[in-house]
C-alpha atoms as a PDB file:
ATOM      1  CA  MET A   1     -62.368  22.903 -15.278  1.00  0.00           C
ATOM      2  CA  ARG A   2     -60.043  25.852 -15.854  1.00  0.00           C
ATOM      3  CA  VAL A   3     -57.576  25.998 -18.732  1.00  0.00           C
ATOM      4  CA  ALA A   4     -55.118  28.556 -20.070  1.00  0.00           C
ATOM      5  CA  MET A   5     -56.231  29.140 -23.654  1.00  0.00           C
ATOM      6  CA  TYR A   6     -53.535  30.335 -26.044  1.00  0.00           C
ATOM      7  CA  TYR A   7     -54.505  32.904 -28.704  1.00  0.00           C
ATOM      8  CA  ASN A   8     -51.026  34.351 -29.233  1.00  0.00           C
ATOM      9  CA  ASN A   9     -47.928  34.967 -27.135  1.00  0.00           C
ATOM     10  CA  LYS A  10     -49.439  38.092 -25.598  1.00  0.00           C
ATOM     11  CA  ASP A  11     -52.975  36.752 -25.261  1.00  0.00           C
ATOM     12  CA  VAL A  12     -53.334  33.745 -22.972  1.00  0.00           C
ATOM     13  CA  ARG A  13     -56.706  33.611 -21.213  1.00  0.00           C
ATOM     14  CA  ILE A  14     -58.081  31.607 -18.321  1.00  0.00           C
ATOM     15  CA  GLU A  15     -61.237  29.927 -19.584  1.00  0.00           C
ATOM     16  CA  GLU A  16     -63.633  27.169 -18.549  1.00  0.00           C
ATOM     17  CA  MET A  17     -64.146  23.967 -20.477  1.00  0.00           C
ATOM     18  CA  PRO A  18     -65.663  20.600 -19.557  1.00  0.00           C
ATOM     19  CA  LYS A  19     -63.447  18.148 -17.736  1.00  0.00           C
ATOM     20  CA  PRO A  20     -62.544  15.418 -20.236  1.00  0.00           C
ATOM     21  CA  ARG A  21     -64.525  12.186 -20.071  1.00  0.00           C
ATOM     22  CA  ILE A  22     -62.450   9.060 -20.488  1.00  0.00           C
ATOM     23  CA  GLY A  23     -63.264   5.877 -22.348  1.00  0.00           C
ATOM     24  CA  PRO A  24     -61.907   2.320 -22.283  1.00  0.00           C
ATOM     25  CA  GLY A  25     -58.137   2.135 -22.050  1.00  0.00           C
ATOM     26  CA  GLU A  26     -57.823   5.806 -21.097  1.00  0.00           C
ATOM     27  CA  LEU A  27     -56.736   7.765 -18.027  1.00  0.00           C
ATOM     28  CA  LEU A  28     -57.790  11.053 -16.468  1.00  0.00           C
ATOM     29  CA  VAL A  29     -54.775  12.810 -15.006  1.00  0.00           C
ATOM     30  CA  LYS A  30     -54.820  15.703 -12.553  1.00  0.00           C
ATOM     31  CA  VAL A  31     -52.048  18.007 -13.808  1.00  0.00           C
ATOM     32  CA  ILE A  32     -49.784  19.041 -10.927  1.00  0.00           C
ATOM     33  CA  ALA A  33     -46.884  20.595 -12.850  1.00  0.00           C
ATOM     34  CA  SER A  34     -46.600  21.684 -16.480  1.00  0.00           C
ATOM     35  CA  GLY A  35     -43.481  23.338 -17.888  1.00  0.00           C
ATOM     36  CA  ILE A  36     -43.550  26.066 -20.518  1.00  0.00           C
ATOM     37  CA  CYS A  37     -41.377  24.956 -23.430  1.00  0.00           C
ATOM     38  CA  GLY A  38     -39.523  27.317 -25.736  1.00  0.00           C
ATOM     39  CA  SER A  39     -41.591  25.835 -28.565  1.00  0.00           C
ATOM     40  CA  ASP A  40     -44.756  27.026 -26.804  1.00  0.00           C
ATOM     41  CA  VAL A  41     -43.722  30.623 -27.567  1.00  0.00           C
ATOM     42  CA  MET A  42     -42.739  29.933 -31.189  1.00  0.00           C
ATOM     43  CA  GLU A  43     -45.668  32.038 -32.342  1.00  0.00           C
ATOM     44  CA  TRP A  44     -45.250  31.330 -36.074  1.00  0.00           C
ATOM     45  CA  TYR A  45     -45.742  27.645 -35.243  1.00  0.00           C
ATOM     46  CA  ARG A  46     -48.445  27.868 -32.577  1.00  0.00           C
ATOM     47  CA  ILE A  47     -50.740  30.614 -33.801  1.00  0.00           C
ATOM     48  CA  LYS A  48     -52.018  28.655 -36.798  1.00  0.00           C
ATOM     49  CA  LYS A  49     -53.708  26.236 -34.361  1.00  0.00           C
ATOM     50  CA  ALA A  50     -55.009  28.919 -31.965  1.00  0.00           C
ATOM     51  CA  PRO A  51     -57.093  29.058 -29.883  1.00  0.00           C
ATOM     52  CA  ILE A  52     -55.522  26.029 -28.231  1.00  0.00           C
ATOM     53  CA  VAL A  53     -54.543  24.724 -24.807  1.00  0.00           C
ATOM     54  CA  LEU A  54     -50.795  24.161 -24.993  1.00  0.00           C
ATOM     55  CA  GLY A  55     -48.447  22.414 -22.562  1.00  0.00           C
ATOM     56  CA  HIS A  56     -46.730  19.080 -23.092  1.00  0.00           C
ATOM     57  CA  GLU A  57     -44.169  18.883 -20.255  1.00  0.00           C
ATOM     58  CA  ILE A  58     -46.472  17.479 -17.605  1.00  0.00           C
ATOM     59  CA  ALA A  59     -46.521  15.434 -14.435  1.00  0.00           C
ATOM     60  CA  GLY A  60     -49.605  14.575 -12.460  1.00  0.00           C
ATOM     61  CA  GLU A  61     -51.741  12.089 -10.561  1.00  0.00           C
ATOM     62  CA  ILE A  62     -54.188   9.572 -12.006  1.00  0.00           C
ATOM     63  CA  VAL A  63     -57.729  10.288 -10.783  1.00  0.00           C
ATOM     64  CA  GLU A  64     -59.774   8.043 -13.094  1.00  0.00           C
ATOM     65  CA  VAL A  65     -58.936   4.762 -14.834  1.00  0.00           C
ATOM     66  CA  GLY A  66     -60.782   3.510 -17.895  1.00  0.00           C
ATOM     67  CA  ASP A  67     -61.997  -0.046 -18.429  1.00  0.00           C
ATOM     68  CA  GLY A  68     -59.239  -2.407 -19.472  1.00  0.00           C
ATOM     69  CA  VAL A  69     -56.366  -0.452 -17.929  1.00  0.00           C
ATOM     70  CA  ASP A  70     -54.481  -2.754 -15.579  1.00  0.00           C
ATOM     71  CA  LYS A  71     -50.994  -1.214 -15.479  1.00  0.00           C
ATOM     72  CA  TYR A  72     -52.078   1.919 -13.591  1.00  0.00           C
ATOM     73  CA  LYS A  73     -54.379   2.790 -10.714  1.00  0.00           C
ATOM     74  CA  ILE A  74     -55.942   5.851  -9.122  1.00  0.00           C
ATOM     75  CA  GLY A  75     -53.313   7.741  -7.133  1.00  0.00           C
ATOM     76  CA  ASP A  76     -50.344   6.773  -9.329  1.00  0.00           C
ATOM     77  CA  ARG A  77     -47.910   9.600  -9.972  1.00  0.00           C
ATOM     78  CA  VAL A  78     -47.105   9.743 -13.694  1.00  0.00           C
ATOM     79  CA  PHE A  79     -45.480  11.514 -16.576  1.00  0.00           C
ATOM     80  CA  VAL A  80     -47.491  11.243 -19.809  1.00  0.00           C
ATOM     81  CA  SER A  81     -45.971  11.765 -23.259  1.00  0.00           C
ATOM     82  CA  HIS A  82     -48.045  13.834 -25.656  1.00  0.00           C
ATOM     83  CA  HIS A  83     -46.563  12.490 -28.932  1.00  0.00           C
ATOM     84  CA  ILE A  84     -46.348   8.701 -29.212  1.00  0.00           C
ATOM     85  CA  PRO A  85     -44.616   6.665 -31.933  1.00  0.00           C
ATOM     86  CA  CYS A  86     -46.302   3.551 -33.264  1.00  0.00           C
ATOM     87  CA  ASN A  87     -43.132   1.429 -32.763  1.00  0.00           C
ATOM     88  CA  THR A  88     -44.061  -0.691 -35.796  1.00  0.00           C
ATOM     89  CA  CYS A  89     -43.506   1.439 -38.930  1.00  0.00           C
ATOM     90  CA  ARG A  90     -40.265   1.356 -40.949  1.00  0.00           C
ATOM     91  CA  TYR A  91     -39.093   4.587 -39.292  1.00  0.00           C
ATOM     92  CA  CYS A  92     -39.586   3.297 -35.751  1.00  0.00           C
ATOM     93  CA  LEU A  93     -38.040  -0.062 -36.580  1.00  0.00           C
ATOM     94  CA  ASN A  94     -34.959   1.761 -37.850  1.00  0.00           C
ATOM     95  CA  GLY A  95     -34.678   3.896 -34.720  1.00  0.00           C
ATOM     96  CA  TYR A  96     -36.220   7.086 -36.119  1.00  0.00           C
ATOM     97  CA  HIS A  97     -39.218   7.168 -33.794  1.00  0.00           C
ATOM     98  CA  THR A  98     -39.634  10.935 -33.883  1.00  0.00           C
ATOM     99  CA  VAL A  99     -40.358  11.037 -37.623  1.00  0.00           C
ATOM    100  CA  CYS A 100     -43.142   8.450 -37.244  1.00  0.00           C
ATOM    101  CA  ASP A 101     -46.486   9.587 -38.684  1.00  0.00           C
ATOM    102  CA  THR A 102     -48.278   8.398 -35.545  1.00  0.00           C
ATOM    103  CA  LEU A 103     -46.030  10.482 -33.315  1.00  0.00           C
ATOM    104  CA  HIS A 104     -46.924  13.606 -35.286  1.00  0.00           C
ATOM    105  CA  THR A 105     -50.676  12.997 -35.009  1.00  0.00           C
ATOM    106  CA  THR A 106     -51.056  11.913 -31.344  1.00  0.00           C
ATOM    107  CA  ASN A 107     -51.621  14.170 -28.350  1.00  0.00           C
ATOM    108  CA  PHE A 108     -53.459  14.299 -25.053  1.00  0.00           C
ATOM    109  CA  ASP A 109     -56.717  16.188 -24.432  1.00  0.00           C
ATOM    110  CA  PRO A 110     -56.407  19.115 -23.909  1.00  0.00           C
ATOM    111  CA  GLY A 111     -52.860  20.434 -23.344  1.00  0.00           C
ATOM    112  CA  GLY A 112     -51.035  20.505 -20.031  1.00  0.00           C
ATOM    113  CA  PHE A 113     -52.036  24.053 -19.076  1.00  0.00           C
ATOM    114  CA  ALA A 114     -55.279  22.702 -17.677  1.00  0.00           C
ATOM    115  CA  GLU A 115     -56.467  21.258 -14.389  1.00  0.00           C
ATOM    116  CA  TYR A 116     -57.023  17.810 -15.922  1.00  0.00           C
ATOM    117  CA  LEU A 117     -56.172  15.984 -19.128  1.00  0.00           C
ATOM    118  CA  ARG A 118     -57.300  12.792 -20.817  1.00  0.00           C
ATOM    119  CA  ALA A 119     -54.593  10.364 -21.883  1.00  0.00           C
ATOM    120  CA  PRO A 120     -55.859   8.431 -24.951  1.00  0.00           C
ATOM    121  CA  GLN A 121     -55.412   4.673 -25.150  1.00  0.00           C
ATOM    122  CA  LEU A 122     -52.217   4.799 -27.235  1.00  0.00           C
ATOM    123  CA  ASN A 123     -50.639   7.325 -24.864  1.00  0.00           C
ATOM    124  CA  VAL A 124     -51.573   5.096 -21.932  1.00  0.00           C
ATOM    125  CA  ASP A 125     -50.158   2.003 -23.606  1.00  0.00           C
ATOM    126  CA  ARG A 126     -46.856   3.475 -24.840  1.00  0.00           C
ATOM    127  CA  GLY A 127     -46.371   6.900 -23.291  1.00  0.00           C
ATOM    128  CA  THR A 128     -47.293   6.801 -19.603  1.00  0.00           C
ATOM    129  CA  PHE A 129     -44.507   6.312 -17.076  1.00  0.00           C
ATOM    130  CA  LEU A 130     -44.650   5.992 -13.303  1.00  0.00           C
ATOM    131  CA  LEU A 131     -42.610   8.545 -11.408  1.00  0.00           C
ATOM    132  CA  PRO A 132     -40.326   7.061  -8.733  1.00  0.00           C
ATOM    133  CA  ASP A 133     -40.938   8.231  -5.178  1.00  0.00           C
ATOM    134  CA  GLU A 134     -37.669  10.202  -5.315  1.00  0.00           C
ATOM    135  CA  VAL A 135     -38.915  12.311  -8.249  1.00  0.00           C
ATOM    136  CA  SER A 136     -41.194  15.240  -7.397  1.00  0.00           C
ATOM    137  CA  PHE A 137     -43.974  16.384  -9.712  1.00  0.00           C
ATOM    138  CA  GLU A 138     -42.016  19.480 -10.728  1.00  0.00           C
ATOM    139  CA  GLU A 139     -38.987  17.313 -11.503  1.00  0.00           C
ATOM    140  CA  GLY A 140     -41.304  15.004 -13.432  1.00  0.00           C
ATOM    141  CA  SER A 141     -42.213  17.898 -15.714  1.00  0.00           C
ATOM    142  CA  PHE A 142     -38.607  17.763 -16.965  1.00  0.00           C
ATOM    143  CA  VAL A 143     -38.940  14.222 -18.339  1.00  0.00           C
ATOM    144  CA  GLU A 144     -40.034  15.340 -21.810  1.00  0.00           C
ATOM    145  CA  PRO A 145     -37.468  18.145 -22.353  1.00  0.00           C
ATOM    146  CA  LEU A 146     -34.667  16.067 -20.852  1.00  0.00           C
ATOM    147  CA  GLY A 147     -35.743  13.089 -22.968  1.00  0.00           C
ATOM    148  CA  CYS A 148     -35.307  15.256 -26.070  1.00  0.00           C
ATOM    149  CA  VAL A 149     -31.800  16.185 -24.897  1.00  0.00           C
ATOM    150  CA  VAL A 150     -30.929  12.556 -24.141  1.00  0.00           C
ATOM    151  CA  ARG A 151     -31.992  11.549 -27.639  1.00  0.00           C
ATOM    152  CA  GLY A 152     -30.034  14.376 -29.264  1.00  0.00           C
ATOM    153  CA  GLN A 153     -26.780  13.557 -27.508  1.00  0.00           C
ATOM    154  CA  ARG A 154     -27.172   9.829 -28.106  1.00  0.00           C
ATOM    155  CA  MET A 155     -27.713  10.407 -31.831  1.00  0.00           C
ATOM    156  CA  ALA A 156     -24.737  12.775 -31.893  1.00  0.00           C
ATOM    157  CA  GLY A 157     -22.561  10.063 -30.337  1.00  0.00           C
ATOM    158  CA  LEU A 158     -21.078  12.190 -27.568  1.00  0.00           C
ATOM    159  CA  GLU A 159     -18.076  10.386 -26.070  1.00  0.00           C
ATOM    160  CA  PRO A 160     -16.343  11.022 -22.725  1.00  0.00           C
ATOM    161  CA  GLY A 161     -13.573  13.568 -23.088  1.00  0.00           C
ATOM    162  CA  GLN A 162     -14.978  15.260 -26.191  1.00  0.00           C
ATOM    163  CA  SER A 163     -15.258  19.036 -26.196  1.00  0.00           C
ATOM    164  CA  VAL A 164     -18.746  20.529 -26.451  1.00  0.00           C
ATOM    165  CA  LEU A 165     -19.892  23.991 -27.539  1.00  0.00           C
ATOM    166  CA  ILE A 166     -23.477  24.895 -26.602  1.00  0.00           C
ATOM    167  CA  LEU A 167     -24.899  27.881 -28.467  1.00  0.00           C
ATOM    168  CA  GLY A 168     -27.663  29.292 -26.278  1.00  0.00           C
ATOM    169  CA  SER A 169     -27.960  28.902 -22.508  1.00  0.00           C
ATOM    170  CA  GLY A 170     -31.713  28.809 -22.039  1.00  0.00           C
ATOM    171  CA  ILE A 171     -33.311  25.711 -20.548  1.00  0.00           C
ATOM    172  CA  SER A 172     -32.460  23.397 -23.464  1.00  0.00           C
ATOM    173  CA  GLY A 173     -28.870  24.622 -23.509  1.00  0.00           C
ATOM    174  CA  LEU A 174     -28.520  24.118 -19.756  1.00  0.00           C
ATOM    175  CA  LEU A 175     -30.008  20.621 -19.941  1.00  0.00           C
ATOM    176  CA  HIS A 176     -27.523  19.780 -22.706  1.00  0.00           C
ATOM    177  CA  LEU A 177     -24.751  21.235 -20.575  1.00  0.00           C
ATOM    178  CA  ALA A 178     -25.717  19.258 -17.474  1.00  0.00           C
ATOM    179  CA  LEU A 179     -26.126  16.013 -19.424  1.00  0.00           C
ATOM    180  CA  ALA A 180     -22.813  16.447 -21.244  1.00  0.00           C
ATOM    181  CA  ARG A 181     -21.134  17.000 -17.886  1.00  0.00           C
ATOM    182  CA  ALA A 182     -22.835  13.903 -16.434  1.00  0.00           C
ATOM    183  CA  LEU A 183     -21.721  11.823 -19.443  1.00  0.00           C
ATOM    184  CA  GLY A 184     -18.078  12.802 -18.993  1.00  0.00           C
ATOM    185  CA  ALA A 185     -17.588  15.416 -21.706  1.00  0.00           C
ATOM    186  CA  GLY A 186     -14.286  17.257 -21.705  1.00  0.00           C
ATOM    187  CA  ARG A 187     -14.199  21.024 -22.093  1.00  0.00           C
ATOM    188  CA  ILE A 188     -17.721  22.501 -22.178  1.00  0.00           C
ATOM    189  CA  ILE A 189     -18.199  26.011 -23.561  1.00  0.00           C
ATOM    190  CA  ALA A 190     -21.542  27.841 -23.494  1.00  0.00           C
ATOM    191  CA  THR A 191     -22.706  31.052 -25.155  1.00  0.00           C
ATOM    192  CA  ASP A 192     -25.584  33.474 -24.796  1.00  0.00           C
ATOM    193  CA  ILE A 193     -26.382  37.177 -25.187  1.00  0.00           C
ATOM    194  CA  ASN A 194     -27.837  37.356 -21.681  1.00  0.00           C
ATOM    195  CA  ASP A 195     -25.506  37.795 -18.695  1.00  0.00           C
ATOM    196  CA  TYR A 196     -28.031  36.149 -16.351  1.00  0.00           C
ATOM    197  CA  ARG A 197     -27.991  32.990 -18.453  1.00  0.00           C
ATOM    198  CA  LEU A 198     -24.225  33.046 -18.840  1.00  0.00           C
ATOM    199  CA  GLU A 199     -23.966  33.013 -15.040  1.00  0.00           C
ATOM    200  CA  ALA A 200     -26.440  30.123 -14.984  1.00  0.00           C
ATOM    201  CA  ALA A 201     -24.267  28.246 -17.488  1.00  0.00           C
ATOM    202  CA  LYS A 202     -21.288  28.632 -15.165  1.00  0.00           C
ATOM    203  CA  ASP A 203     -23.366  27.455 -12.212  1.00  0.00           C
ATOM    204  CA  PHE A 204     -24.418  24.309 -14.091  1.00  0.00           C
ATOM    205  CA  GLY A 205     -20.927  23.301 -15.120  1.00  0.00           C
ATOM    206  CA  ALA A 206     -19.684  25.261 -18.131  1.00  0.00           C
ATOM    207  CA  ASP A 207     -15.901  25.602 -18.139  1.00  0.00           C
ATOM    208  CA  VAL A 208     -16.211  28.793 -20.172  1.00  0.00           C
ATOM    209  CA  ALA A 209     -19.221  31.074 -20.773  1.00  0.00           C
ATOM    210  CA  LEU A 210     -18.907  33.437 -23.756  1.00  0.00           C
ATOM    211  CA  HIS A 211     -21.024  36.380 -24.796  1.00  0.00           C
ATOM    212  CA  ALA A 212     -22.457  35.587 -28.228  1.00  0.00           C
ATOM    213  CA  LYS A 213     -21.199  38.879 -29.665  1.00  0.00           C
ATOM    214  CA  GLU A 214     -17.590  37.794 -29.209  1.00  0.00           C
ATOM    215  CA  ASP A 215     -15.527  36.088 -31.923  1.00  0.00           C
ATOM    216  CA  ILE A 216     -16.817  32.655 -30.986  1.00  0.00           C
ATOM    217  CA  PRO A 217     -14.510  30.474 -33.151  1.00  0.00           C
ATOM    218  CA  ALA A 218     -11.435  32.345 -31.881  1.00  0.00           C
ATOM    219  CA  ARG A 219     -12.572  32.140 -28.270  1.00  0.00           C
ATOM    220  CA  VAL A 220     -13.349  28.433 -28.610  1.00  0.00           C
ATOM    221  CA  ARG A 221      -9.833  27.761 -29.887  1.00  0.00           C
ATOM    222  CA  GLU A 222      -8.426  29.853 -27.068  1.00  0.00           C
ATOM    223  CA  ALA A 223     -10.380  27.886 -24.471  1.00  0.00           C
ATOM    224  CA  ASN A 224      -9.887  24.452 -26.058  1.00  0.00           C
ATOM    225  CA  ASP A 225      -6.128  24.062 -26.614  1.00  0.00           C
ATOM    226  CA  GLY A 226      -6.246  25.529 -30.108  1.00  0.00           C
ATOM    227  CA  ARG A 227      -9.013  23.264 -31.362  1.00  0.00           C
ATOM    228  CA  LEU A 228     -12.626  23.852 -32.293  1.00  0.00           C
ATOM    229  CA  ALA A 229     -15.410  21.833 -30.639  1.00  0.00           C
ATOM    230  CA  ASP A 230     -15.993  18.134 -31.256  1.00  0.00           C
ATOM    231  CA  LEU A 231     -19.732  18.610 -30.755  1.00  0.00           C
ATOM    232  CA  VAL A 232     -21.565  21.879 -31.396  1.00  0.00           C
ATOM    233  CA  ILE A 233     -25.157  22.008 -30.138  1.00  0.00           C
ATOM    234  CA  ILE A 234     -27.470  24.714 -31.507  1.00  0.00           C
ATOM    235  CA  CYS A 235     -30.109  25.689 -28.942  1.00  0.00           C
ATOM    236  CA  VAL A 236     -31.223  29.015 -30.450  1.00  0.00           C
ATOM    237  CA  GLY A 237     -33.233  29.343 -33.669  1.00  0.00           C
ATOM    238  CA  ILE A 238     -31.354  32.365 -35.013  1.00  0.00           C
ATOM    239  CA  VAL A 239     -29.632  32.153 -38.401  1.00  0.00           C
ATOM    240  CA  SER A 240     -26.445  33.858 -37.195  1.00  0.00           C
ATOM    241  CA  VAL A 241     -26.128  31.188 -34.494  1.00  0.00           C
ATOM    242  CA  PHE A 242     -26.383  28.439 -37.109  1.00  0.00           C
ATOM    243  CA  SER A 243     -23.640  30.188 -39.097  1.00  0.00           C
ATOM    244  CA  ASP A 244     -21.466  30.385 -35.971  1.00  0.00           C
ATOM    245  CA  ALA A 245     -21.979  26.662 -35.432  1.00  0.00           C
ATOM    246  CA  LEU A 246     -20.623  25.815 -38.883  1.00  0.00           C
ATOM    247  CA  ARG A 247     -17.480  27.823 -38.121  1.00  0.00           C
ATOM    248  CA  CYS A 248     -16.919  26.261 -34.700  1.00  0.00           C
ATOM    249  CA  VAL A 249     -16.874  22.512 -35.375  1.00  0.00           C
ATOM    250  CA  GLU A 250     -13.613  20.547 -35.301  1.00  0.00           C
ATOM    251  CA  ARG A 251     -12.547  18.107 -38.037  1.00  0.00           C
ATOM    252  CA  GLY A 252     -14.444  14.863 -37.560  1.00  0.00           C
ATOM    253  CA  GLY A 253     -16.957  16.703 -35.401  1.00  0.00           C
ATOM    254  CA  THR A 254     -20.735  17.020 -35.341  1.00  0.00           C
ATOM    255  CA  VAL A 255     -23.150  19.946 -35.404  1.00  0.00           C
ATOM    256  CA  LEU A 256     -26.401  19.040 -33.630  1.00  0.00           C
ATOM    257  CA  PHE A 257     -29.371  21.094 -34.863  1.00  0.00           C
ATOM    258  CA  PHE A 258     -31.471  21.018 -31.686  1.00  0.00           C
ATOM    259  CA  ALA A 259     -33.414  24.223 -32.468  1.00  0.00           C
ATOM    260  CA  PRO A 260     -35.284  25.092 -35.681  1.00  0.00           C
ATOM    261  CA  THR A 261     -35.123  28.336 -37.630  1.00  0.00           C
ATOM    262  CA  ASP A 262     -38.142  30.304 -38.795  1.00  0.00           C
ATOM    263  CA  PRO A 263     -39.879  28.687 -41.782  1.00  0.00           C
ATOM    264  CA  GLY A 264     -38.287  29.116 -45.183  1.00  0.00           C
ATOM    265  CA  VAL A 265     -34.792  29.883 -43.900  1.00  0.00           C
ATOM    266  CA  GLU A 266     -31.926  28.339 -45.873  1.00  0.00           C
ATOM    267  CA  LEU A 267     -28.428  27.873 -44.498  1.00  0.00           C
ATOM    268  CA  PRO A 268     -25.352  28.077 -46.743  1.00  0.00           C
ATOM    269  CA  VAL A 269     -23.076  25.128 -45.960  1.00  0.00           C
ATOM    270  CA  PRO A 270     -19.398  24.908 -47.030  1.00  0.00           C
ATOM    271  CA  VAL A 271     -19.905  21.469 -48.543  1.00  0.00           C
ATOM    272  CA  ASN A 272     -16.349  20.991 -49.845  1.00  0.00           C
ATOM    273  CA  ASP A 273     -14.764  21.907 -46.516  1.00  0.00           C
ATOM    274  CA  PHE A 274     -17.123  19.666 -44.596  1.00  0.00           C
ATOM    275  CA  TRP A 275     -16.567  16.828 -47.081  1.00  0.00           C
ATOM    276  CA  ARG A 276     -12.803  17.030 -46.615  1.00  0.00           C
ATOM    277  CA  ASN A 277     -13.048  17.372 -42.839  1.00  0.00           C
ATOM    278  CA  GLY A 278     -15.660  14.705 -42.126  1.00  0.00           C
ATOM    279  CA  ILE A 279     -18.191  17.059 -40.544  1.00  0.00           C
ATOM    280  CA  THR A 280     -21.621  15.667 -39.629  1.00  0.00           C
ATOM    281  CA  LEU A 281     -24.732  17.865 -39.642  1.00  0.00           C
ATOM    282  CA  LEU A 282     -27.431  16.213 -37.531  1.00  0.00           C
ATOM    283  CA  PRO A 283     -30.959  17.396 -36.676  1.00  0.00           C
ATOM    284  CA  SER A 284     -32.754  16.072 -33.611  1.00  0.00           C
ATOM    285  CA  TYR A 285     -36.436  16.432 -32.783  1.00  0.00           C
ATOM    286  CA  GLY A 286     -38.509  15.124 -29.922  1.00  0.00           C
ATOM    287  CA  ALA A 287     -38.215  12.082 -27.679  1.00  0.00           C
ATOM    288  CA  ALA A 288     -39.463   8.500 -27.662  1.00  0.00           C
ATOM    289  CA  GLY A 289     -40.114   6.000 -24.886  1.00  0.00           C
ATOM    290  CA  LEU A 290     -36.524   4.942 -24.250  1.00  0.00           C
ATOM    291  CA  ASP A 291     -35.440   8.565 -24.039  1.00  0.00           C
ATOM    292  CA  CYS A 292     -38.092   9.280 -21.407  1.00  0.00           C
ATOM    293  CA  ILE A 293     -37.146   6.198 -19.385  1.00  0.00           C
ATOM    294  CA  GLN A 294     -33.521   7.294 -19.369  1.00  0.00           C
ATOM    295  CA  ALA A 295     -34.516  10.844 -18.441  1.00  0.00           C
ATOM    296  CA  ILE A 296     -36.508   9.576 -15.456  1.00  0.00           C
ATOM    297  CA  GLU A 297     -33.526   7.559 -14.235  1.00  0.00           C
ATOM    298  CA  LEU A 298     -31.156  10.501 -14.652  1.00  0.00           C
ATOM    299  CA  ILE A 299     -33.501  12.641 -12.567  1.00  0.00           C
ATOM    300  CA  ARG A 300     -34.076   9.915  -9.963  1.00  0.00           C
ATOM    301  CA  SER A 301     -30.345   9.306  -9.511  1.00  0.00           C
ATOM    302  CA  ARG A 302     -29.685  13.047  -9.167  1.00  0.00           C
ATOM    303  CA  ARG A 303     -27.258  13.057 -12.070  1.00  0.00           C
ATOM    304  CA  LEU A 304     -28.793  16.330 -13.283  1.00  0.00           C
ATOM    305  CA  PRO A 305     -29.945  19.093 -10.889  1.00  0.00           C
ATOM    306  CA  VAL A 306     -33.152  19.862 -12.766  1.00  0.00           C
ATOM    307  CA  ALA A 307     -35.024  21.329  -9.773  1.00  0.00           C
ATOM    308  CA  LYS A 308     -32.364  24.028  -9.460  1.00  0.00           C
ATOM    309  CA  MET A 309     -33.204  25.165 -12.996  1.00  0.00           C
ATOM    310  CA  ILE A 310     -36.717  26.234 -11.981  1.00  0.00           C
ATOM    311  CA  THR A 311     -36.871  30.001 -11.561  1.00  0.00           C
ATOM    312  CA  HIS A 312     -40.648  30.486 -11.494  1.00  0.00           C
ATOM    313  CA  ARG A 313     -43.542  28.407 -10.135  1.00  0.00           C
ATOM    314  CA  LEU A 314     -46.849  30.003 -11.119  1.00  0.00           C
ATOM    315  CA  PRO A 315     -50.541  29.176 -10.626  1.00  0.00           C
ATOM    316  CA  LEU A 316     -52.703  28.659 -13.687  1.00  0.00           C
ATOM    317  CA  GLU A 317     -54.030  32.222 -13.382  1.00  0.00           C
ATOM    318  CA  GLN A 318     -50.539  33.534 -14.122  1.00  0.00           C
ATOM    319  CA  THR A 319     -49.891  31.473 -17.254  1.00  0.00           C
ATOM    320  CA  ALA A 320     -49.852  34.666 -19.348  1.00  0.00           C
ATOM    321  CA  LEU A 321     -47.024  35.966 -17.149  1.00  0.00           C
ATOM    322  CA  GLY A 322     -45.205  32.671 -17.639  1.00  0.00           C
ATOM    323  CA  PHE A 323     -45.428  33.025 -21.419  1.00  0.00           C
ATOM    324  CA  LYS A 324     -44.129  36.591 -21.147  1.00  0.00           C
ATOM    325  CA  LEU A 325     -41.149  35.462 -19.068  1.00  0.00           C
ATOM    326  CA  VAL A 326     -40.255  32.666 -21.495  1.00  0.00           C
ATOM    327  CA  GLU A 327     -40.667  34.835 -24.581  1.00  0.00           C
ATOM    328  CA  GLU A 328     -38.563  37.668 -23.144  1.00  0.00           C
ATOM    329  CA  ALA A 329     -35.802  35.205 -22.133  1.00  0.00           C
ATOM    330  CA  LYS A 330     -34.270  37.573 -19.594  1.00  0.00           C
ATOM    331  CA  GLU A 331     -34.096  36.513 -15.950  1.00  0.00           C
ATOM    332  CA  SER A 332     -35.827  33.174 -16.147  1.00  0.00           C
ATOM    333  CA  ILE A 333     -34.684  29.653 -16.897  1.00  0.00           C
ATOM    334  CA  LYS A 334     -37.560  27.224 -16.340  1.00  0.00           C
ATOM    335  CA  VAL A 335     -41.114  28.393 -15.732  1.00  0.00           C
ATOM    336  CA  ILE A 336     -43.508  25.830 -14.264  1.00  0.00           C
ATOM    337  CA  ILE A 337     -47.300  26.201 -14.227  1.00  0.00           C
ATOM    338  CA  GLU A 338     -49.055  24.480 -11.305  1.00  0.00           C
ATOM    339  CA  PRO A 339     -52.767  24.361 -12.224  1.00  0.00           C
ATOM    340  CA  HIS A 340     -53.968  23.494  -8.698  1.00  0.00           C
ATOM    341  CA  ARG A 341     -51.749  25.961  -6.880  1.00  0.00           C
ATOM    342  CA  SER A 342     -53.601  28.827  -5.198  1.00  0.00           C
ATOM    343  CA  SER A 343     -52.743  32.368  -6.298  1.00  0.00           C
END
């Protein structure tokens, strides 16, 4: 079968490798749609494992079923999670599924930028979800990224009527924006350095879209009746953005660290001010089963217009172009690779 093999952000090659062979309890899935995630182009993180087949935002069709699998059949349309929590360790039992050791060591074989993948037994048991008839394959590729957003906002405790500031209007920022709007947030303000993405933020429901070079705290107060934001969501891994976030959160508010920085970066925090003002700093990583189930229902019920966020649908042969578009972050929002689409 054909795969897109990642060597670095500027070197993604179409190569041949054997189609995976499944064992008991496993599934072989024909990959129909596979989204390129912003983390796929975090070169400092990915290159240490190269060469590797990336891609974890997938939807596809089951073409082989291993012995002992009775919940799924050939022809089922599915989303498969790549990282799976054990659901039994002390972290999972306390609701912190995404720090589970099992979650950080599980994956499917190979990545989603391939014609087929093997879902191991644990992924079949706890990370495979049927797609409703109303959800297309390309919409199904949003289950994982939207699940991460669902988890982040649930942990942050977003309440109807609260003001939200989203720093960065790429795909994760727009998903946060659309979900906050669907959950009844009050004033929603988005930022970016890219005019194309600022227009996209307006299209997806931002009340105000600000260029990141502006005086963000002052503009937030101006747009939010003199107050800072109740929830600030960081969707860009740039240190200056993290610093802006700390200056933009209202008393009693929360800063959600949805994006990471480069390794080794330290962030000065005004501890005394935050102590007096009851500020919460909250990181969020990944998604677990409940988050994916909720994401599927949000997509099925058309609460979030995820299909409208797709700007590029590319065949496997053009995966390198897809990586270039995502890394450049200019006039693209969501890039989907369709491994069985003809050029």
